[in-house]
Amino acid sequence: MATIRITSKVPMVQSALKVRPLRATIDGGEEQDLSLSGSHDVEVEAGSHHVEMYVAWALPARMGPAQIDVSLQDRDTVELLYKPPWIRTKPGKLTLSTT
């Protein structure tokens, strides 16, 4: 097994977003609701995975969609950082964390 650790970075001026769920899907599977606060570990099989994320919103329903492909070996942990956009209709940013 391997781990995908998801962390979101929400600036203070966007703190109202913290009441909205962050949604993630891995390899097109079931959507998972995550909090925009703190880190979340998701256990996956070793191999290549496609991660998609967005913030649940009213209009548009998917605010800040972002996606990334990651490859993990057994017992690896990859850390992803999601940043929602400043403008609701723009894409979010999902990158490998450097920390």
Protein backbone atom coordinates (compact mmCIF):
# COMPACT_ATOMS: atom_id res chain seq x y z
CA MET A 1 0.00 0.00 0.00
CA ALA A 2 0.98 3.62 -0.52
CA THR A 3 -0.38 6.97 0.72
CA ILE A 4 -1.55 10.13 -1.00
CA ARG A 5 -1.50 13.00 1.53
CA ILE A 6 -3.70 15.93 0.50
CA THR A 7 -3.30 19.37 2.06
CA SER A 8 -5.11 22.54 1.06
CA LYS A 9 -3.85 26.08 1.38
CA VAL A 10 -6.58 28.69 1.78
CA PRO A 11 -5.52 32.33 2.34
CA MET A 12 -7.20 34.17 5.22
CA VAL A 13 -9.19 36.38 2.83
CA GLN A 14 -10.79 33.22 1.43
CA SER A 15 -11.61 31.76 4.85
CA ALA A 16 -15.31 31.53 3.93
CA LEU A 17 -14.33 28.62 1.68
CA LYS A 18 -13.44 26.54 4.73
CA VAL A 19 -17.12 25.76 5.29
CA ARG A 20 -17.31 24.18 1.82
CA PRO A 21 -16.15 20.58 1.34
CA LEU A 22 -13.14 19.82 -0.78
CA ARG A 23 -13.94 16.87 -3.03
CA ALA A 24 -11.39 14.43 -4.38
CA THR A 25 -11.55 11.42 -6.67
CA ILE A 26 -8.73 8.99 -7.33
CA ASP A 27 -8.73 7.09 -10.62
CA GLY A 28 -12.34 8.12 -11.30
CA GLY A 29 -13.60 6.35 -8.17
CA GLU A 30 -16.08 7.54 -5.57
CA GLU A 31 -15.87 11.20 -4.53
CA GLN A 32 -14.48 11.77 -1.06
CA ASP A 33 -15.40 14.84 0.99
CA LEU A 34 -12.38 16.39 2.68
CA SER A 35 -12.06 19.46 4.85
CA LEU A 36 -10.19 22.51 3.56
CA SER A 37 -8.35 22.51 6.89
CA GLY A 38 -5.50 20.15 7.68
CA SER A 39 -4.08 17.17 5.83
CA HIS A 40 -5.85 14.00 4.76
CA ASP A 41 -4.21 10.65 4.05
CA VAL A 42 -5.74 8.37 1.44
CA GLU A 43 -4.45 4.80 1.19
CA VAL A 44 -3.98 3.49 -2.37
CA GLU A 45 -2.35 0.56 -4.11
CA ALA A 46 1.18 1.13 -5.42
CA GLY A 47 1.23 2.30 -9.05
CA SER A 48 0.07 5.27 -11.11
CA HIS A 49 -2.97 7.26 -10.02
CA HIS A 50 -5.01 10.16 -11.41
CA VAL A 51 -6.21 12.60 -8.72
CA GLU A 52 -8.97 15.17 -9.37
CA MET A 53 -10.09 17.80 -6.87
CA TYR A 54 -12.47 20.75 -6.58
CA VAL A 55 -14.39 22.78 -4.00
CA ALA A 56 -18.14 22.08 -3.87
CA TRP A 57 -19.99 25.32 -4.66
CA ALA A 58 -23.39 26.49 -5.87
CA LEU A 59 -22.54 28.15 -9.22
CA PRO A 60 -20.39 26.75 -10.68
CA ALA A 61 -20.98 23.45 -8.90
CA ARG A 62 -17.29 22.57 -9.20
CA MET A 63 -15.17 25.53 -8.18
CA GLY A 64 -11.45 25.36 -8.92
CA PRO A 65 -11.14 21.96 -10.58
CA ALA A 66 -7.58 20.63 -10.70
CA GLN A 67 -5.95 17.31 -11.52
CA ILE A 68 -2.58 15.59 -11.37
CA ASP A 69 -1.07 12.19 -12.12
CA VAL A 70 1.18 10.58 -9.50
CA SER A 71 3.18 7.37 -9.37
CA LEU A 72 3.91 5.57 -6.09
CA GLN A 73 5.93 2.57 -5.02
CA ASP A 74 4.93 0.31 -2.13
CA ARG A 75 5.04 2.20 1.22
CA ASP A 76 5.62 5.57 -0.54
CA THR A 77 3.85 8.76 0.51
CA VAL A 78 3.27 11.55 -1.97
CA GLU A 79 2.16 14.94 -0.66
CA LEU A 80 -0.20 17.04 -2.78
CA LEU A 81 -1.05 20.69 -2.17
CA TYR A 82 -4.38 22.08 -3.43
CA LYS A 83 -4.97 25.84 -3.74
CA PRO A 84 -8.44 27.12 -4.68
CA PRO A 85 -8.61 29.97 -7.21
CA TRP A 86 -9.28 33.61 -6.36
CA ILE A 87 -11.96 33.73 -9.08
CA ARG A 88 -14.61 30.97 -8.90
CA THR A 89 -14.61 30.24 -12.63
CA LYS A 90 -10.83 29.69 -12.81
CA PRO A 91 -9.08 26.35 -12.21
CA GLY A 92 -7.49 25.51 -8.90
CA LYS A 93 -3.87 24.41 -8.47
CA LEU A 94 -2.86 20.88 -7.48
CA THR A 95 0.89 20.32 -7.15
CA LEU A 96 3.39 18.03 -5.51
CA SER A 97 4.36 19.52 -2.16
CA THR A 98 8.03 20.33 -1.68
CA THR A 99 7.99 20.12 2.12
